[in-house]
């Protein structure tokens, strides 16, 4: 069975979860530090992970 958690940035900052293997960004944060915090949720504790970010063409330049 797959487990799914939907979270805001505020809630995610206080949570340390093991075995997060996928992070999906439905929007880009406004700063690089928040983006790194989001994508850093996956691949922790020596495991591998993937981050997928849905972006508009205008947001692509921000990556």
PDB file of N, CA and C in Angstrom:
ATOM      1  N   UNK A   1       0.838  -1.184   0.000  1.00  0.00           N
ATOM      2  CA  UNK A   1       0.000   0.000   0.000  1.00  0.00           C
ATOM      3  C   UNK A   1       0.878   1.241   0.000  1.00  0.00           C
ATOM      4  N   UNK A   2       0.485   2.215  -0.770  1.00  0.00           N
ATOM      5  CA  UNK A   2       1.201   3.483  -0.832  1.00  0.00           C
ATOM      6  C   UNK A   2       0.617   4.442   0.189  1.00  0.00           C
ATOM      7  N   UNK A   3       1.483   5.243   0.761  1.00  0.00           N
ATOM      8  CA  UNK A   3       1.034   6.274   1.685  1.00  0.00           C
ATOM      9  C   UNK A   3       1.280   7.625   1.043  1.00  0.00           C
ATOM     10  N   UNK A   4       0.330   8.544   1.198  1.00  0.00           N
ATOM     11  CA  UNK A   4       0.423   9.871   0.606  1.00  0.00           C
ATOM     12  C   UNK A   4       0.191  10.898   1.701  1.00  0.00           C
ATOM     13  N   UNK A   5       1.033  11.933   1.697  1.00  0.00           N
ATOM     14  CA  UNK A   5       0.839  13.037   2.621  1.00  0.00           C
ATOM     15  C   UNK A   5       0.815  14.320   1.807  1.00  0.00           C
ATOM     16  N   UNK A   6      -0.186  15.132   2.015  1.00  0.00           N
ATOM     17  CA  UNK A   6      -0.276  16.446   1.388  1.00  0.00           C
ATOM     18  C   UNK A   6       0.037  17.458   2.473  1.00  0.00           C
ATOM     19  N   UNK A   7       0.940  18.390   2.161  1.00  0.00           N
ATOM     20  CA  UNK A   7       1.428  19.268   3.215  1.00  0.00           C
ATOM     21  C   UNK A   7       1.681  20.679   2.706  1.00  0.00           C
ATOM     22  N   UNK A   8       1.609  21.618   3.630  1.00  0.00           N
ATOM     23  CA  UNK A   8       2.047  22.984   3.359  1.00  0.00           C
ATOM     24  C   UNK A   8       3.505  23.104   3.787  1.00  0.00           C
ATOM     25  N   UNK A   9       4.172  24.167   3.388  1.00  0.00           N
ATOM     26  CA  UNK A   9       5.561  24.382   3.804  1.00  0.00           C
ATOM     27  C   UNK A   9       5.676  24.501   5.317  1.00  0.00           C
ATOM     28  N   UNK A  10       4.724  25.177   5.944  1.00  0.00           N
ATOM     29  CA  UNK A  10       4.778  25.383   7.393  1.00  0.00           C
ATOM     30  C   UNK A  10       4.705  24.054   8.131  1.00  0.00           C
ATOM     31  N   UNK A  11       3.785  23.199   7.742  1.00  0.00           N
ATOM     32  CA  UNK A  11       3.649  21.912   8.407  1.00  0.00           C
ATOM     33  C   UNK A  11       4.851  21.018   8.149  1.00  0.00           C
ATOM     34  N   UNK A  12       5.360  21.027   6.943  1.00  0.00           N
ATOM     35  CA  UNK A  12       6.463  20.138   6.578  1.00  0.00           C
ATOM     36  C   UNK A  12       7.749  20.463   7.319  1.00  0.00           C
ATOM     37  N   UNK A  13       7.939  21.675   7.744  1.00  0.00           N
ATOM     38  CA  UNK A  13       9.171  22.044   8.448  1.00  0.00           C
ATOM     39  C   UNK A  13       9.308  21.347   9.790  1.00  0.00           C
ATOM     40  N   UNK A  14       8.208  20.973  10.398  1.00  0.00           N
ATOM     41  CA  UNK A  14       8.284  20.343  11.707  1.00  0.00           C
ATOM     42  C   UNK A  14       8.222  18.833  11.669  1.00  0.00           C
ATOM     43  N   UNK A  15       8.313  18.239  10.490  1.00  0.00           N
ATOM     44  CA  UNK A  15       8.133  16.800  10.358  1.00  0.00           C
ATOM     45  C   UNK A  15       9.392  16.166   9.778  1.00  0.00           C
ATOM     46  N   UNK A  16       9.871  15.109  10.405  1.00  0.00           N
ATOM     47  CA  UNK A  16      10.965  14.307   9.858  1.00  0.00           C
ATOM     48  C   UNK A  16      10.429  12.914   9.587  1.00  0.00           C
ATOM     49  N   UNK A  17      10.267  12.596   8.334  1.00  0.00           N
ATOM     50  CA  UNK A  17       9.726  11.300   7.948  1.00  0.00           C
ATOM     51  C   UNK A  17      10.789  10.486   7.237  1.00  0.00           C
ATOM     52  N   UNK A  18      10.832   9.204   7.534  1.00  0.00           N
ATOM     53  CA  UNK A  18      11.726   8.307   6.809  1.00  0.00           C
ATOM     54  C   UNK A  18      10.997   7.777   5.582  1.00  0.00           C
ATOM     55  N   UNK A  19      11.777   7.343   4.601  1.00  0.00           N
ATOM     56  CA  UNK A  19      11.270   6.686   3.397  1.00  0.00           C
ATOM     57  C   UNK A  19      10.340   7.555   2.555  1.00  0.00           C
ATOM     58  N   UNK A  20      10.618   8.843   2.485  1.00  0.00           N
ATOM     59  CA  UNK A  20       9.904   9.693   1.526  1.00  0.00           C
ATOM     60  C   UNK A  20      10.668   9.559   0.215  1.00  0.00           C
ATOM     61  N   UNK A  21      10.050   8.935  -0.782  1.00  0.00           N
ATOM     62  CA  UNK A  21      10.783   8.707  -2.029  1.00  0.00           C
ATOM     63  C   UNK A  21      10.294   9.574  -3.182  1.00  0.00           C
ATOM     64  N   UNK A  22       9.263  10.384  -2.937  1.00  0.00           N
ATOM     65  CA  UNK A  22       8.756  11.263  -3.987  1.00  0.00           C
ATOM     66  C   UNK A  22       8.187  12.532  -3.370  1.00  0.00           C
ATOM     67  N   UNK A  23       8.625  13.671  -3.890  1.00  0.00           N
ATOM     68  CA  UNK A  23       8.059  14.968  -3.533  1.00  0.00           C
ATOM     69  C   UNK A  23       7.535  15.584  -4.821  1.00  0.00           C
ATOM     70  N   UNK A  24       6.296  16.061  -4.797  1.00  0.00           N
ATOM     71  CA  UNK A  24       5.699  16.713  -5.958  1.00  0.00           C
ATOM     72  C   UNK A  24       5.398  18.157  -5.579  1.00  0.00           C
ATOM     73  N   UNK A  25       5.990  19.086  -6.297  1.00  0.00           N
ATOM     74  CA  UNK A  25       5.720  20.514  -6.111  1.00  0.00           C
ATOM     75  C   UNK A  25       4.648  20.930  -7.108  1.00  0.00           C
ATOM     76  N   UNK A  26       3.495  21.342  -6.591  1.00  0.00           N
ATOM     77  CA  UNK A  26       2.437  21.828  -7.474  1.00  0.00           C
ATOM     78  C   UNK A  26       2.619  23.299  -7.804  1.00  0.00           C
ATOM     79  N   UNK A  27       3.474  23.957  -7.041  1.00  0.00           N
ATOM     80  CA  UNK A  27       3.848  25.344  -7.313  1.00  0.00           C
ATOM     81  C   UNK A  27       5.277  25.536  -6.836  1.00  0.00           C
ATOM     82  N   UNK A  28       5.931  26.548  -7.354  1.00  0.00           N
ATOM     83  CA  UNK A  28       7.290  26.832  -6.906  1.00  0.00           C
ATOM     84  C   UNK A  28       7.247  27.814  -5.748  1.00  0.00           C
ATOM     85  N   UNK A  29       8.073  27.583  -4.735  1.00  0.00           N
ATOM     86  CA  UNK A  29       8.148  28.574  -3.657  1.00  0.00           C
ATOM     87  C   UNK A  29       8.811  29.848  -4.164  1.00  0.00           C
ATOM     88  N   UNK A  30       8.707  30.899  -3.368  1.00  0.00           N
ATOM     89  CA  UNK A  30       9.223  32.200  -3.783  1.00  0.00           C
ATOM     90  C   UNK A  30      10.716  32.373  -3.546  1.00  0.00           C
ATOM     91  N   UNK A  31      11.352  31.436  -2.833  1.00  0.00           N
ATOM     92  CA  UNK A  31      12.788  31.586  -2.584  1.00  0.00           C
ATOM     93  C   UNK A  31      13.480  30.223  -2.638  1.00  0.00           C
ATOM     94  N   UNK A  32      14.786  30.276  -2.888  1.00  0.00           N
ATOM     95  CA  UNK A  32      15.579  29.062  -3.069  1.00  0.00           C
ATOM     96  C   UNK A  32      15.656  28.223  -1.797  1.00  0.00           C
ATOM     97  N   UNK A  33      15.709  28.862  -0.638  1.00  0.00           N
ATOM     98  CA  UNK A  33      15.818  28.118   0.625  1.00  0.00           C
ATOM     99  C   UNK A  33      14.589  27.234   0.850  1.00  0.00           C
ATOM    100  N   UNK A  34      13.423  27.754   0.560  1.00  0.00           N
ATOM    101  CA  UNK A  34      12.201  26.962   0.723  1.00  0.00           C
ATOM    102  C   UNK A  34      12.153  25.834  -0.295  1.00  0.00           C
ATOM    103  N   UNK A  35      12.592  26.100  -1.521  1.00  0.00           N
ATOM    104  CA  UNK A  35      12.644  25.046  -2.535  1.00  0.00           C
ATOM    105  C   UNK A  35      13.575  23.922  -2.085  1.00  0.00           C
ATOM    106  N   UNK A  36      14.749  24.272  -1.596  1.00  0.00           N
ATOM    107  CA  UNK A  36      15.703  23.258  -1.135  1.00  0.00           C
ATOM    108  C   UNK A  36      15.138  22.473   0.048  1.00  0.00           C
ATOM    109  N   UNK A  37      14.421  23.140   0.919  1.00  0.00           N
ATOM    110  CA  UNK A  37      13.808  22.444   2.047  1.00  0.00           C
ATOM    111  C   UNK A  37      12.777  21.429   1.550  1.00  0.00           C
ATOM    112  N   UNK A  38      11.977  21.828   0.589  1.00  0.00           N
ATOM    113  CA  UNK A  38      10.973  20.912   0.033  1.00  0.00           C
ATOM    114  C   UNK A  38      11.618  19.693  -0.605  1.00  0.00           C
ATOM    115  N   UNK A  39      12.547  19.931  -1.524  1.00  0.00           N
ATOM    116  CA  UNK A  39      13.135  18.800  -2.242  1.00  0.00           C
ATOM    117  C   UNK A  39      14.022  17.961  -1.335  1.00  0.00           C
ATOM    118  N   UNK A  40      14.503  18.552  -0.265  1.00  0.00           N
ATOM    119  CA  UNK A  40      15.317  17.813   0.695  1.00  0.00           C
ATOM    120  C   UNK A  40      14.530  16.834   1.535  1.00  0.00           C
ATOM    121  N   UNK A  41      13.225  16.828   1.409  1.00  0.00           N
ATOM    122  CA  UNK A  41      12.386  15.865   2.137  1.00  0.00           C
ATOM    123  C   UNK A  41      12.565  14.458   1.590  1.00  0.00           C
ATOM    124  N   UNK A  42      12.976  14.344   0.340  1.00  0.00           N
ATOM    125  CA  UNK A  42      13.143  13.037  -0.276  1.00  0.00           C
ATOM    126  C   UNK A  42      14.611  12.630  -0.274  1.00  0.00           C
ATOM    127  N   UNK A  43      14.845  11.343  -0.278  1.00  0.00           N
ATOM    128  CA  UNK A  43      16.210  10.838  -0.320  1.00  0.00           C
ATOM    129  C   UNK A  43      16.982  11.049   0.964  1.00  0.00           C
ATOM    130  N   UNK A  44      16.310  11.011   2.076  1.00  0.00           N
ATOM    131  CA  UNK A  44      16.972  11.214   3.361  1.00  0.00           C
ATOM    132  C   UNK A  44      17.376   9.876   3.958  1.00  0.00           C
ATOM    133  N   UNK A  45      18.207   9.941   4.957  1.00  0.00           N
ATOM    134  CA  UNK A  45      18.630   8.751   5.698  1.00  0.00           C
ATOM    135  C   UNK A  45      19.267   7.721   4.771  1.00  0.00           C
ATOM    136  N   UNK A  46      20.010   8.200   3.770  1.00  0.00           N
ATOM    137  CA  UNK A  46      20.743   7.317   2.871  1.00  0.00           C
ATOM    138  C   UNK A  46      19.911   6.689   1.768  1.00  0.00           C
ATOM    139  N   UNK A  47      18.660   7.069   1.633  1.00  0.00           N
ATOM    140  CA  UNK A  47      17.831   6.493   0.576  1.00  0.00           C
ATOM    141  C   UNK A  47      17.817   7.421  -0.639  1.00  0.00           C
ATOM    142  N   UNK A  48      17.256   6.925  -1.718  1.00  0.00           N
ATOM    143  CA  UNK A  48      17.160   7.719  -2.937  1.00  0.00           C
ATOM    144  C   UNK A  48      15.756   8.278  -3.065  1.00  0.00           C
ATOM    145  N   UNK A  49      15.641   9.374  -3.790  1.00  0.00           N
ATOM    146  CA  UNK A  49      14.326   9.966  -3.970  1.00  0.00           C
ATOM    147  C   UNK A  49      14.259  10.815  -5.223  1.00  0.00           C
ATOM    148  N   UNK A  50      13.045  11.199  -5.568  1.00  0.00           N
ATOM    149  CA  UNK A  50      12.779  11.977  -6.770  1.00  0.00           C
ATOM    150  C   UNK A  50      11.894  13.159  -6.393  1.00  0.00           C
ATOM    151  N   UNK A  51      12.152  14.292  -7.034  1.00  0.00           N
ATOM    152  CA  UNK A  51      11.291  15.457  -6.884  1.00  0.00           C
ATOM    153  C   UNK A  51      10.786  15.849  -8.267  1.00  0.00           C
ATOM    154  N   UNK A  52       9.478  16.034  -8.370  1.00  0.00           N
ATOM    155  CA  UNK A  52       8.848  16.480  -9.607  1.00  0.00           C
ATOM    156  C   UNK A  52       8.235  17.843  -9.334  1.00  0.00           C
ATOM    157  N   UNK A  53       8.548  18.818 -10.169  1.00  0.00           N
ATOM    158  CA  UNK A  53       7.989  20.160 -10.008  1.00  0.00           C
ATOM    159  C   UNK A  53       7.190  20.528 -11.250  1.00  0.00           C
ATOM    160  N   UNK A  54       5.925  20.835 -11.051  1.00  0.00           N
ATOM    161  CA  UNK A  54       5.090  21.347 -12.133  1.00  0.00           C
ATOM    162  C   UNK A  54       5.326  22.845 -12.217  1.00  0.00           C
ATOM    163  N   UNK A  55       5.747  23.308 -13.385  1.00  0.00           N
ATOM    164  CA  UNK A  55       6.067  24.727 -13.545  1.00  0.00           C
ATOM    165  C   UNK A  55       5.461  25.254 -14.843  1.00  0.00           C
ATOM    166  N   UNK A  56       5.219  26.543 -14.843  1.00  0.00           N
ATOM    167  CA  UNK A  56       4.805  27.205 -16.073  1.00  0.00           C
ATOM    168  C   UNK A  56       6.063  27.556 -16.861  1.00  0.00           C
ATOM    169  N   UNK A  57       5.895  27.944 -18.086  1.00  0.00           N
ATOM    170  CA  UNK A  57       7.046  28.341 -18.893  1.00  0.00           C
ATOM    171  C   UNK A  57       7.764  29.526 -18.257  1.00  0.00           C
ATOM    172  N   UNK A  58       7.024  30.444 -17.676  1.00  0.00           N
ATOM    173  CA  UNK A  58       7.631  31.609 -17.017  1.00  0.00           C
ATOM    174  C   UNK A  58       8.427  31.197 -15.776  1.00  0.00           C
ATOM    175  N   UNK A  59       7.953  30.187 -15.050  1.00  0.00           N
ATOM    176  CA  UNK A  59       8.650  29.729 -13.844  1.00  0.00           C
ATOM    177  C   UNK A  59       9.900  28.920 -14.157  1.00  0.00           C
ATOM    178  N   UNK A  60       9.979  28.378 -15.343  1.00  0.00           N
ATOM    179  CA  UNK A  60      11.111  27.542 -15.728  1.00  0.00           C
ATOM    180  C   UNK A  60      12.433  28.267 -15.549  1.00  0.00           C
ATOM    181  N   UNK A  61      12.465  29.547 -15.810  1.00  0.00           N
ATOM    182  CA  UNK A  61      13.691  30.334 -15.663  1.00  0.00           C
ATOM    183  C   UNK A  61      14.130  30.435 -14.206  1.00  0.00           C
ATOM    184  N   UNK A  62      13.216  30.242 -13.263  1.00  0.00           N
ATOM    185  CA  UNK A  62      13.555  30.318 -11.844  1.00  0.00           C
ATOM    186  C   UNK A  62      14.318  29.096 -11.359  1.00  0.00           C
ATOM    187  N   UNK A  63      14.196  27.990 -12.070  1.00  0.00           N
ATOM    188  CA  UNK A  63      14.904  26.775 -11.669  1.00  0.00           C
ATOM    189  C   UNK A  63      16.326  26.910 -12.035  1.00  0.00           C
TER     190      UNK A  63
END
